[in-house]
Protein backbone atom coordinates (compact mmCIF):
# COMPACT_ATOMS: atom_id res chain seq x y z
CA MET A 1 51.48 -84.19 -9.97
CA LYS A 2 51.07 -79.92 -10.87
CA ILE A 3 49.07 -79.68 -14.32
CA LEU A 4 48.23 -76.51 -16.20
CA ALA A 5 45.15 -76.17 -17.57
CA VAL A 6 44.57 -74.28 -20.23
CA SER A 7 41.18 -73.23 -21.39
CA ARG A 8 39.73 -70.06 -23.42
CA ARG A 9 36.77 -70.38 -20.89
CA PHE A 10 36.32 -70.94 -17.63
CA PRO A 11 33.13 -71.52 -15.96
CA PRO A 12 31.04 -68.89 -14.74
CA ASP A 13 32.11 -67.63 -18.55
CA SER A 14 30.92 -70.50 -20.67
CA PHE A 15 29.68 -70.64 -24.15
CA GLY A 16 28.44 -74.36 -23.86
CA GLY A 17 29.46 -77.73 -22.60
CA GLY A 18 33.19 -78.12 -23.34
CA GLU A 19 33.67 -75.52 -20.33
CA ILE A 20 31.43 -77.14 -18.45
CA SER A 21 33.24 -80.28 -19.13
CA ALA A 22 36.70 -78.56 -18.79
CA HIS A 23 35.60 -77.43 -15.19
CA GLN A 24 34.59 -81.23 -14.08
CA TRP A 25 37.92 -82.29 -15.14
CA CYS A 26 39.67 -79.83 -13.16
CA GLN A 27 37.70 -80.34 -10.01
CA LEU A 28 38.39 -84.07 -10.45
CA LEU A 29 42.04 -83.86 -10.64
CA ALA A 30 42.28 -81.34 -7.62
CA LYS A 31 41.08 -83.59 -5.38
CA GLU A 32 44.63 -85.27 -5.83
CA HIS A 33 47.17 -83.10 -7.44
CA GLU A 34 47.92 -79.32 -7.92
CA VAL A 35 45.60 -77.94 -10.51
CA HIS A 36 46.41 -74.07 -12.43
CA VAL A 37 43.90 -72.77 -14.77
CA LEU A 38 45.13 -70.38 -17.24
CA THR A 39 41.93 -68.40 -19.00
CA THR A 40 39.80 -65.28 -20.24
CA GLY A 41 39.39 -62.55 -17.43
CA THR A 42 41.62 -60.67 -14.98
CA GLY A 43 42.58 -61.76 -11.85
CA GLN A 44 43.29 -64.71 -9.76
CA VAL A 45 41.18 -66.43 -7.77
CA GLU A 46 41.39 -70.11 -5.89
CA GLU A 47 38.15 -72.50 -6.50
CA ASN A 48 37.66 -76.27 -4.59
CA LYS A 49 41.76 -76.38 -4.54
CA ILE A 50 41.86 -74.84 -8.06
CA THR A 51 44.01 -71.89 -8.85
CA ILE A 52 42.42 -69.82 -11.63
CA HIS A 53 44.49 -67.73 -13.44
CA ARG A 54 42.59 -65.07 -15.44
CA GLN A 55 44.99 -63.59 -17.13
CA ILE A 56 44.01 -63.98 -20.96
CA PRO A 57 42.92 -60.32 -21.45
CA PRO A 58 40.06 -59.58 -23.98
CA ILE A 59 41.07 -58.99 -27.73
CA LYS A 60 40.69 -55.25 -28.89
CA SER A 61 41.16 -55.39 -32.63
CA ALA A 62 39.47 -54.23 -35.80
CA MET A 63 39.87 -57.08 -37.51
CA PRO A 64 37.59 -59.36 -38.90
CA LEU A 65 35.38 -61.63 -36.65
CA ASP A 66 37.33 -64.52 -37.36
CA ILE A 67 40.72 -63.24 -37.27
CA HIS A 68 39.58 -61.19 -33.76
CA ASN A 69 38.38 -64.71 -32.57
CA ASN A 70 40.94 -66.97 -33.51
CA GLU A 71 44.50 -65.61 -34.44
CA GLY A 72 43.74 -63.01 -31.45
CA PHE A 73 43.21 -64.81 -29.12
CA TYR A 74 46.41 -67.27 -30.02
CA LEU A 75 48.41 -63.96 -29.54
CA SER A 76 46.65 -63.07 -26.54
CA ALA A 77 47.30 -66.48 -24.74
CA TYR A 78 50.60 -66.96 -25.75
CA LYS A 79 51.94 -63.72 -24.00
CA ALA A 80 49.60 -64.57 -20.95
CA ILE A 81 50.97 -68.14 -20.17
CA LYS A 82 54.77 -66.69 -20.85
CA PRO A 83 54.61 -64.73 -16.71
CA ILE A 84 52.94 -68.61 -15.55
CA LEU A 85 55.92 -70.42 -16.66
CA LYS A 86 58.19 -68.38 -15.67
CA LYS A 87 56.50 -68.48 -11.96
CA GLU A 88 55.77 -71.91 -11.51
CA ASN A 89 57.46 -75.40 -12.77
CA PHE A 90 54.32 -77.90 -14.00
CA ASP A 91 54.69 -81.52 -14.86
CA ILE A 92 52.26 -81.53 -17.60
CA ILE A 93 50.10 -78.70 -19.94
CA HIS A 94 46.84 -79.74 -21.04
CA ALA A 95 44.78 -77.78 -23.32
CA PHE A 96 41.08 -78.47 -23.15
CA ASN A 97 39.79 -76.75 -26.20
CA MET A 98 40.39 -76.07 -29.97
CA ALA A 99 41.47 -72.69 -29.21
CA SER A 100 43.56 -73.30 -26.60
CA ILE A 101 45.65 -75.96 -28.59
CA PRO A 102 48.30 -73.35 -30.56
CA PRO A 103 49.59 -71.43 -27.91
CA SER A 104 49.64 -73.92 -25.32
CA VAL A 105 51.62 -76.24 -28.01
CA SER A 106 54.26 -73.68 -28.26
CA TRP A 107 54.99 -73.03 -24.85
CA ALA A 108 54.99 -76.78 -23.97
CA LYS A 109 57.88 -77.35 -26.83
CA LYS A 110 59.65 -74.44 -25.57
CA LYS A 111 59.87 -75.80 -21.87
CA SER A 112 60.25 -79.55 -22.68
CA ILE A 113 56.70 -79.80 -20.63
CA PRO A 114 54.91 -82.68 -21.88
CA ILE A 115 51.43 -81.39 -23.63
CA VAL A 116 47.78 -83.43 -24.25
CA ALA A 117 44.87 -81.80 -25.83
CA THR A 118 41.51 -82.82 -25.89
CA VAL A 119 39.86 -82.61 -28.91
CA ASN A 120 35.73 -81.45 -28.61
CA ASP A 121 35.04 -79.97 -31.77
CA HIS A 122 35.85 -80.42 -34.98
CA TRP A 123 37.79 -77.15 -36.56
CA GLY A 124 41.11 -78.81 -36.63
CA THR A 125 40.30 -80.81 -39.42
CA CYS A 126 37.26 -79.21 -41.45
CA PHE A 127 35.61 -75.55 -40.98
CA PHE A 128 32.17 -74.58 -40.29
CA ARG A 129 29.78 -76.97 -40.83
CA SER A 130 31.64 -78.92 -43.15
CA HIS A 131 31.95 -82.15 -41.87
CA PHE A 132 28.13 -82.76 -42.62
CA HIS A 133 26.30 -81.25 -45.40
CA GLU A 134 24.78 -82.69 -48.82
CA GLY A 135 23.36 -85.25 -47.09
CA LYS A 136 26.29 -87.25 -45.81
CA VAL A 137 29.45 -87.04 -43.70
CA TRP A 138 32.29 -85.69 -45.69
CA GLU A 139 35.30 -86.93 -42.96
CA VAL A 140 38.03 -85.17 -44.98
CA CYS A 141 36.78 -81.49 -46.26
CA THR A 142 39.01 -81.37 -49.60
CA THR A 143 39.15 -77.36 -50.97
CA PRO A 144 35.96 -78.24 -53.11
CA ILE A 145 34.19 -79.33 -50.20
CA ILE A 146 35.01 -76.29 -48.27
CA ARG A 147 34.37 -74.09 -51.41
CA ARG A 148 30.81 -75.34 -52.11
CA ASN A 149 29.71 -75.33 -48.07
CA LEU A 150 30.83 -71.58 -48.13
CA LYS A 151 28.57 -71.01 -51.15
CA ARG A 152 25.78 -72.74 -49.29
CA ASN A 153 26.76 -70.56 -46.05
CA GLY A 154 26.27 -67.46 -48.51
CA ILE A 155 30.30 -66.78 -47.45
CA SER A 156 32.99 -65.38 -49.89
CA TYR A 157 35.13 -66.82 -51.61
CA LEU A 158 37.48 -64.28 -50.78
CA THR A 159 38.09 -66.03 -47.39
CA LEU A 160 38.72 -69.34 -48.69
CA PRO A 161 42.67 -68.46 -48.14
CA TYR A 162 41.89 -67.60 -44.66
CA VAL A 163 39.88 -71.06 -44.03
CA ILE A 164 42.62 -73.70 -45.28
CA TYR A 165 45.37 -71.45 -43.70
CA THR A 166 43.48 -71.45 -40.40
CA MET A 167 43.01 -75.27 -40.70
CA ARG A 168 46.21 -76.45 -41.26
CA PHE A 169 47.42 -73.45 -38.76
CA ARG A 170 45.59 -75.86 -35.83
CA LYS A 171 46.46 -79.18 -37.96
CA ARG A 172 49.96 -78.84 -37.44
CA ALA A 173 49.39 -77.56 -33.54
CA MET A 174 47.73 -80.80 -33.21
CA LEU A 175 50.08 -83.04 -34.92
CA ARG A 176 52.42 -81.92 -32.07
CA CYS A 177 50.59 -82.34 -29.11
CA ASP A 178 52.50 -85.69 -27.11
CA LYS A 179 49.07 -86.99 -26.88
CA LEU A 180 45.00 -86.35 -28.13
CA ILE A 181 41.99 -87.15 -26.18
CA ALA A 182 38.54 -87.67 -28.58
CA VAL A 183 35.87 -86.72 -26.09
CA SER A 184 33.91 -89.23 -28.83
CA SER A 185 34.03 -92.33 -31.41
CA TRP A 186 32.75 -90.02 -34.01
CA VAL A 187 35.60 -87.35 -33.07
CA LYS A 188 38.21 -90.51 -33.07
CA ARG A 189 37.08 -91.11 -36.33
CA ILE A 190 37.34 -87.83 -38.07
CA LEU A 191 40.99 -88.21 -36.23
CA ASP A 192 41.86 -90.87 -37.74
CA ALA A 193 40.23 -89.78 -41.06
CA ASN A 194 42.55 -87.01 -41.18
CA GLY A 195 45.84 -88.75 -40.28
CA PHE A 196 45.49 -88.77 -36.17
CA ARG A 197 47.29 -91.65 -35.21
CA ASP A 198 47.12 -93.21 -31.37
CA VAL A 199 44.16 -91.06 -30.50
CA GLU A 200 42.33 -91.98 -26.67
CA ILE A 201 39.18 -91.54 -26.77
CA ILE A 202 37.71 -90.27 -22.85
CA ASN A 203 34.48 -88.88 -22.66
CA ASN A 204 33.33 -86.52 -20.80
CA PRO A 205 31.87 -87.49 -17.22
CA VAL A 206 28.60 -86.68 -15.68
CA ASP A 207 28.10 -85.75 -11.60
CA LEU A 208 25.67 -87.95 -11.04
CA GLY A 209 25.28 -86.93 -7.80
CA THR A 210 23.75 -84.03 -9.55
CA PHE A 211 21.83 -85.41 -12.25
CA LYS A 212 20.03 -87.70 -9.90
CA THR A 213 17.05 -90.13 -11.77
CA GLN A 214 13.61 -89.21 -10.98
CA GLU A 215 10.89 -90.90 -11.99
CA LEU A 216 8.51 -89.41 -15.45
CA ARG A 217 6.34 -86.68 -13.87
CA SER A 218 4.24 -87.14 -17.21
CA THR A 219 4.08 -83.07 -17.74
CA GLY A 220 3.68 -83.69 -21.81
CA ARG A 221 7.04 -82.28 -22.57
CA VAL A 222 9.52 -82.65 -25.04
CA LEU A 223 13.10 -80.92 -24.59
CA PHE A 224 15.40 -79.33 -26.56
CA ILE A 225 18.07 -78.10 -24.79
CA GLY A 226 21.46 -76.31 -26.03
CA ARG A 227 21.82 -73.41 -28.36
CA LEU A 228 19.34 -72.49 -30.57
CA ASP A 229 21.54 -72.32 -34.00
CA GLU A 230 22.29 -73.93 -37.28
CA GLY A 231 23.48 -77.64 -37.26
CA LYS A 232 21.21 -78.24 -33.96
CA GLY A 233 18.02 -79.78 -35.81
CA ILE A 234 15.70 -77.20 -34.70
CA GLU A 235 13.66 -76.64 -38.17
CA THR A 236 13.87 -80.44 -38.01
CA LEU A 237 12.45 -81.05 -34.70
CA ILE A 238 9.87 -78.04 -35.32
CA LYS A 239 8.64 -79.15 -38.97
CA ALA A 240 8.84 -83.02 -36.91
CA ALA A 241 6.29 -81.59 -34.23
CA ALA A 242 3.94 -79.74 -36.59
CA GLN A 243 3.26 -83.77 -38.00
CA SER A 244 3.60 -85.65 -34.15
CA GLN A 245 1.22 -82.57 -32.93
CA LYS A 246 -1.51 -83.94 -35.17
CA GLU A 247 -1.72 -87.29 -33.58
CA ILE A 248 -0.60 -86.74 -30.31
CA LYS A 249 -0.76 -83.53 -27.80
CA PHE A 250 2.70 -82.94 -26.16
CA LYS A 251 4.27 -79.13 -25.74
CA LEU A 252 7.41 -78.65 -27.59
CA VAL A 253 10.33 -76.62 -24.95
CA PHE A 254 13.22 -75.07 -25.72
CA ALA A 255 15.88 -74.38 -23.53
CA GLY A 256 18.63 -72.45 -24.68
CA THR A 257 19.68 -69.21 -26.14
CA GLY A 258 20.80 -68.15 -30.03
CA LYS A 259 18.15 -67.47 -32.73
CA GLU A 260 15.59 -67.95 -30.86
CA ASN A 261 13.44 -65.35 -33.20
CA LEU A 262 14.14 -67.43 -35.46
CA TYR A 263 12.64 -70.15 -34.35
CA LYS A 264 9.91 -68.55 -32.65
CA GLN A 265 8.42 -67.06 -35.71
CA LEU A 266 8.72 -70.91 -37.47
CA SER A 267 6.75 -72.24 -34.52
CA ILE A 268 4.33 -69.53 -35.29
CA ARG A 269 4.32 -70.60 -38.96
CA GLN A 270 4.16 -74.31 -38.43
CA ASN A 271 1.54 -73.42 -35.35
CA ILE A 272 2.94 -75.55 -33.46
CA SER A 273 2.70 -75.31 -29.30
CA ALA A 274 6.23 -74.50 -28.11
CA ASP A 275 7.66 -72.55 -25.34
CA PHE A 276 10.87 -70.90 -25.21
CA LEU A 277 12.79 -70.69 -21.72
CA GLY A 278 16.27 -68.55 -23.23
CA LYS A 279 18.90 -69.13 -20.87
CA VAL A 280 19.25 -71.60 -18.38
CA ASP A 281 21.93 -72.17 -15.90
CA HIS A 282 23.78 -75.08 -15.72
CA SER A 283 22.44 -75.35 -11.65
CA ASP A 284 18.86 -75.47 -13.32
CA VAL A 285 19.34 -78.26 -15.57
CA PRO A 286 18.39 -81.11 -14.13
CA GLU A 287 14.86 -79.74 -12.86
CA VAL A 288 14.49 -78.67 -16.57
CA ILE A 289 15.06 -82.52 -17.50
CA TYR A 290 12.52 -83.49 -14.84
CA ASN A 291 9.95 -81.37 -16.58
CA SER A 292 10.20 -83.12 -19.09
CA ASP A 293 8.97 -86.73 -20.73
CA LEU A 294 11.32 -86.90 -23.35
CA VAL A 295 14.64 -84.94 -24.30
CA VAL A 296 15.30 -84.56 -28.34
CA VAL A 297 18.56 -83.25 -30.07
CA PRO A 298 18.22 -84.06 -33.63
CA PHE A 299 21.47 -82.77 -34.34
CA GLU A 300 22.54 -81.90 -38.21
CA ARG A 301 26.17 -81.31 -37.52
CA VAL A 302 28.94 -84.06 -36.10
CA GLU A 303 28.69 -82.93 -32.78
CA ALA A 304 31.27 -84.05 -30.60
CA PHE A 305 30.04 -85.07 -27.45
CA PRO A 306 26.76 -83.45 -26.01
CA ARG A 307 26.16 -83.08 -22.37
CA ALA A 308 22.67 -82.44 -23.14
CA VAL A 309 22.48 -86.33 -24.11
CA SER A 310 24.36 -87.94 -20.81
CA GLU A 311 22.86 -85.48 -18.55
CA ALA A 312 19.43 -86.65 -19.80
CA CYS A 313 19.93 -89.95 -19.60
CA ALA A 314 21.82 -89.19 -16.16
CA CYS A 315 18.51 -87.95 -15.09
CA GLY A 316 16.33 -90.93 -16.05
CA ARG A 317 15.15 -89.76 -19.46
CA ALA A 318 14.80 -91.24 -23.12
CA VAL A 319 16.85 -89.17 -25.76
CA ILE A 320 16.02 -88.74 -29.52
CA THR A 321 19.42 -88.24 -31.73
CA THR A 322 21.01 -88.78 -34.91
CA ASN A 323 23.42 -90.99 -36.40
CA ILE A 324 26.35 -87.88 -36.74
CA SER A 325 27.38 -87.07 -32.77
CA GLY A 326 28.94 -88.63 -30.16
CA SER A 327 25.58 -89.53 -28.94
CA VAL A 328 25.52 -92.63 -30.22
CA ASP A 329 28.22 -93.73 -27.54
CA ILE A 330 25.54 -93.10 -24.65
CA ILE A 331 22.24 -93.74 -27.03
CA GLU A 332 21.67 -97.50 -27.35
CA HIS A 333 18.63 -97.41 -30.21
CA ALA A 334 15.27 -99.00 -28.65
CA LYS A 335 17.46 -99.45 -25.55
CA ASN A 336 17.56 -95.98 -23.72
CA GLY A 337 16.35 -93.87 -26.75
CA LEU A 338 16.28 -93.91 -30.70
CA ILE A 339 19.02 -92.78 -33.54
CA ILE A 340 17.06 -91.62 -36.43
CA PRO A 341 18.67 -89.88 -39.97
CA PRO A 342 19.26 -86.28 -39.67
CA GLN A 343 17.05 -83.59 -41.64
CA ASP A 344 14.69 -86.40 -41.89
CA PRO A 345 11.23 -84.59 -40.07
CA LYS A 346 9.02 -87.66 -41.18
CA SER A 347 11.53 -90.30 -38.86
CA LEU A 348 11.35 -87.68 -35.99
CA ALA A 349 8.11 -87.16 -36.29
CA ARG A 350 7.62 -91.41 -36.13
CA ALA A 351 9.84 -91.05 -33.06
CA ILE A 352 8.47 -89.02 -30.87
CA ILE A 353 4.69 -90.45 -31.62
CA GLU A 354 6.31 -93.75 -30.78
CA LEU A 355 7.76 -92.65 -27.54
CA MET A 356 4.96 -89.94 -26.26
CA SER A 357 1.99 -92.25 -26.80
CA ASP A 358 3.77 -95.14 -24.47
CA LYS A 359 4.58 -94.38 -21.16
CA SER A 360 6.12 -97.38 -20.08
CA LYS A 361 8.83 -97.58 -23.07
CA LEU A 362 9.77 -94.00 -21.50
CA LYS A 363 10.05 -95.21 -18.03
CA ALA A 364 12.03 -97.89 -19.23
CA MET A 365 13.98 -96.32 -21.48
CA GLY A 366 15.01 -93.52 -18.64
CA LEU A 367 15.98 -96.17 -16.35
CA ALA A 368 18.27 -98.12 -18.78
CA GLY A 369 19.62 -94.54 -19.41
CA ARG A 370 20.89 -94.10 -16.28
CA SER A 371 22.70 -97.51 -15.78
CA ILE A 372 24.32 -96.85 -18.83
CA VAL A 373 25.48 -93.48 -17.79
CA GLU A 374 26.50 -94.85 -14.38
CA ARG A 375 28.12 -97.86 -16.28
CA LYS A 376 30.51 -95.45 -18.81
CA LEU A 377 30.23 -91.93 -17.99
CA ASN A 378 31.48 -92.61 -14.05
CA GLN A 379 33.68 -89.80 -12.78
CA ASP A 380 36.34 -92.38 -10.89
CA ILE A 381 36.67 -94.91 -14.00
CA LEU A 382 37.10 -92.08 -15.80
CA LEU A 383 39.49 -90.06 -14.04
CA ASP A 384 41.72 -92.97 -13.69
CA ARG A 385 41.88 -93.09 -17.76
CA LEU A 386 43.05 -89.39 -18.02
CA LEU A 387 45.87 -90.14 -15.38
CA ASN A 388 46.78 -93.40 -16.98
CA VAL A 389 47.39 -90.58 -20.30
CA TYR A 390 49.20 -88.69 -18.15
CA GLU A 391 51.29 -90.98 -16.54
CA ASN A 392 52.36 -92.50 -20.35
CA VAL A 393 53.47 -89.08 -21.67
CA LEU A 394 55.32 -88.18 -18.28
CA GLY A 395 56.68 -91.77 -19.01
CA ILE A 396 55.51 -92.88 -15.74
CA ASP A 397 55.31 -96.85 -15.00
CA ASN A 398 52.96 -98.43 -12.28
CA SER A 399 53.36 -101.49 -13.66
């Protein structure tokens, strides 16, 4: 099978877990199939049987950031796909993130090539962080909900027509795909609510050879790993730490970049013990997790399928997370972690105290987490499921 994977970014150019997952999928597919990747940058390289076409040029535009990043990218990617399809004949196209879907769909339909798309965020059904606000999940984002959310985030109402347009544009592109893959049950739930049908759930796999389990080191460190940004629950975590550090001693550690200065200042005001590690290469993530007793990711927006959770479990660490993210596909409450409500510092403080004061519980949950990812995120099993999707779209009958 000859596959064209389209991704806005591709390692070493990464913004988050989505690019890492796309890279991992392409490596798995390339073991038995011919894989080409179209992404941003310049030049062409070979990597572990993957041909990487870095041919989507940087966008040079004086337009506002959203238009620059979205519509500008669609046009740039659309132009870059044409010469590849002229030179190569592909059996299937796989768009691995939301931004890559519109240009990929356009060419797939022109060339009558089946197209599959992975949905790993909410931008096709909502805007910004509108799926969770005012203390509840809004599965369908109506115009009044978007308007209220724009006001809450200090964004002018003048942007409303563009916001609605770009949502509908992406949704139309998604509806033209031959198959949509949701990376978690939460993503599927939102897609179902917005009129999408026959969506397949395939979680992103974990490299269990790289993320090996290690015995608890009892470092007294509680780790947050990910972008330091709004919606990640960092302010809630800092407030919870301020409460829980009055009862037990631990060091709060943040691994990631973003609004570091904002959260450093908040940590100082809350008088908590915290370290900020800054950017951590993905190859160094296992050691960062091993040096922690507990991983906490208290999301306050509907996260698709956070790699921090699955990788922490693979390393044998318990996880505290919220009930509005793809984490619930992996975290079983009171078995390999704790699931709490979002934006609730008191509940989070109690959860941290419960686990950090009981090392035997931390160890048991860590072992359970490893067992769960071995069962649910096994690379070979998930690869078979993805190939089965390809074969169904291509009309291949292996019965």
